[in-house]
Amino acid sequence: MKSRILRYWTYFRRGHGTYLVFLLSFANFMVIQYRLLIEYIPFLEALFSSLTAFAVTFFLVYVPMATIIGWLDYKRFAVPVELTVMARANPWIQDLIRALMLMCDEKYDDAKKILQKWIEK
């Protein structure tokens, strides 16, 4: 029962934090930008006569731009460095790497001893 509740709690946090709050904050950001930027600058107000026109334009520009920035971050900027740092700090990955190196040297029993602590009993 405890395991099921914790699993549902994890699913809730993932759905809430990753998807629902993201959508709400995206919509909130668009409305705030429209209200503070478009409504107070006559040129922009004439260009975007309604929130719908602004939202469509914003979506068509913002989503591709954010996607390109995200791709660059994953491929060339922070993510590769973060993953390397996280891998070096993760004891499970460290043990796995040690075991793989021992297996390459055909020291299977030593590798098995290192990995044994990660097996549920």
Protein backbone atom coordinates (compact mmCIF):
# COMPACT_ATOMS: atom_id res chain seq x y z
CA MET A 1 0.00 0.00 0.00
CA LYS A 2 2.79 2.43 0.92
CA SER A 3 4.59 1.68 -2.34
CA ARG A 4 1.42 2.34 -4.37
CA ILE A 5 0.77 5.66 -2.62
CA LEU A 6 4.36 6.78 -3.19
CA ARG A 7 4.14 5.73 -6.83
CA TYR A 8 0.91 7.75 -7.30
CA TRP A 9 2.53 10.70 -5.52
CA THR A 10 5.45 10.50 -7.95
CA TYR A 11 3.06 10.36 -10.93
CA PHE A 12 1.14 13.36 -9.57
CA ARG A 13 4.30 15.43 -9.09
CA ARG A 14 5.50 14.58 -12.59
CA GLY A 15 2.18 15.44 -14.24
CA HIS A 16 1.72 18.58 -12.18
CA GLY A 17 5.25 19.94 -12.32
CA THR A 18 6.21 18.94 -15.82
CA TYR A 19 2.99 19.41 -17.74
CA LEU A 20 0.13 21.22 -16.01
CA VAL A 21 2.15 23.96 -14.31
CA PHE A 22 4.17 24.38 -17.48
CA LEU A 23 1.01 24.99 -19.53
CA LEU A 24 -0.40 27.37 -16.93
CA SER A 25 2.82 29.34 -16.68
CA PHE A 26 3.08 29.52 -20.48
CA ALA A 27 -0.46 30.92 -20.73
CA ASN A 28 0.19 33.28 -17.82
CA PHE A 29 3.38 34.54 -19.48
CA MET A 30 1.52 35.27 -22.72
CA VAL A 31 -1.27 37.16 -20.98
CA ILE A 32 1.17 39.22 -18.91
CA GLN A 33 3.25 40.09 -21.98
CA TYR A 34 0.14 41.09 -23.88
CA ARG A 35 -1.17 43.22 -21.03
CA LEU A 36 2.13 44.95 -20.17
CA LEU A 37 3.71 45.20 -23.61
CA ILE A 38 1.11 45.19 -26.34
CA GLU A 39 -1.65 47.24 -24.70
CA TYR A 40 0.72 50.10 -23.82
CA ILE A 41 2.61 50.43 -27.10
CA PRO A 42 0.32 51.82 -29.83
CA PHE A 43 2.31 50.34 -32.73
CA LEU A 44 2.17 46.85 -31.23
CA GLU A 45 -1.49 47.24 -30.27
CA ALA A 46 -2.33 48.00 -33.91
CA LEU A 47 -0.27 45.00 -35.04
CA PHE A 48 -1.80 42.60 -32.51
CA SER A 49 -5.43 43.65 -32.30
CA SER A 50 -6.42 40.81 -29.99
CA LEU A 51 -4.93 38.45 -27.47
CA THR A 52 -5.63 35.59 -29.90
CA ALA A 53 -3.54 37.19 -32.67
CA PHE A 54 -0.73 37.80 -30.21
CA ALA A 55 -0.95 34.25 -28.82
CA VAL A 56 -0.74 32.68 -32.27
CA THR A 57 2.21 34.86 -33.29
CA PHE A 58 3.90 34.35 -29.93
CA PHE A 59 3.47 30.56 -30.21
CA LEU A 60 4.79 30.47 -33.78
CA VAL A 61 7.92 32.42 -32.82
CA TYR A 62 8.54 31.30 -29.24
CA VAL A 63 8.16 27.53 -29.59
CA PRO A 64 10.71 27.10 -32.42
CA MET A 65 13.11 29.50 -30.72
CA ALA A 66 12.83 27.67 -27.38
CA THR A 67 13.25 24.34 -29.18
CA ILE A 68 16.45 25.49 -30.88
CA ILE A 69 17.85 26.86 -27.61
CA GLY A 70 16.94 23.61 -25.84
CA TRP A 71 18.58 21.55 -28.57
CA LEU A 72 21.75 23.64 -28.35
CA ASP A 73 21.75 23.26 -24.56
CA TYR A 74 21.45 19.47 -24.83
CA LYS A 75 24.02 19.09 -27.57
CA ARG A 76 26.64 21.78 -26.90
CA PHE A 77 26.12 23.73 -23.71
CA ALA A 78 25.29 22.77 -20.12
CA VAL A 79 23.65 19.33 -20.34
CA PRO A 80 26.73 17.30 -21.35
CA VAL A 81 28.73 18.93 -18.55
CA GLU A 82 25.90 18.43 -16.01
CA LEU A 83 25.54 14.76 -16.96
CA THR A 84 29.27 14.20 -16.55
CA VAL A 85 29.27 15.84 -13.12
CA MET A 86 26.18 13.86 -12.06
CA ALA A 87 27.70 10.59 -13.29
CA ARG A 88 30.86 11.21 -11.28
CA ALA A 89 28.81 11.93 -8.16
CA ASN A 90 26.46 8.94 -8.54
CA PRO A 91 27.69 5.90 -6.55
CA TRP A 92 25.63 3.48 -8.65
CA ILE A 93 27.24 4.67 -11.87
CA GLN A 94 30.67 4.61 -10.26
CA ASP A 95 30.18 0.99 -9.19
CA LEU A 96 28.86 0.07 -12.61
CA ILE A 97 31.90 1.60 -14.31
CA ARG A 98 34.27 -0.17 -11.88
CA ALA A 99 32.52 -3.46 -12.55
CA LEU A 100 32.71 -2.97 -16.31
CA MET A 101 36.42 -2.23 -16.09
CA LEU A 102 36.95 -5.38 -14.00
CA MET A 103 34.95 -7.40 -16.52
CA CYS A 104 37.18 -6.09 -19.31
CA ASP A 105 40.11 -7.49 -17.33
CA GLU A 106 38.17 -10.76 -16.92
CA LYS A 107 37.85 -10.29 -13.15
CA TYR A 108 34.22 -11.35 -13.07
CA ASP A 109 34.09 -12.34 -9.41
CA ASP A 110 35.38 -8.91 -8.31
CA ALA A 111 32.84 -7.21 -10.57
CA LYS A 112 30.08 -9.37 -9.16
CA LYS A 113 31.04 -8.40 -5.59
CA ILE A 114 30.83 -4.69 -6.45
CA LEU A 115 27.41 -5.03 -8.07
CA GLN A 116 25.96 -7.38 -5.46
CA LYS A 117 25.05 -4.54 -3.09
CA TRP A 118 22.69 -3.09 -5.72
CA ILE A 119 20.62 -6.26 -5.99
CA GLU A 120 17.39 -6.24 -3.98
CA LYS A 121 17.05 -9.14 -1.61
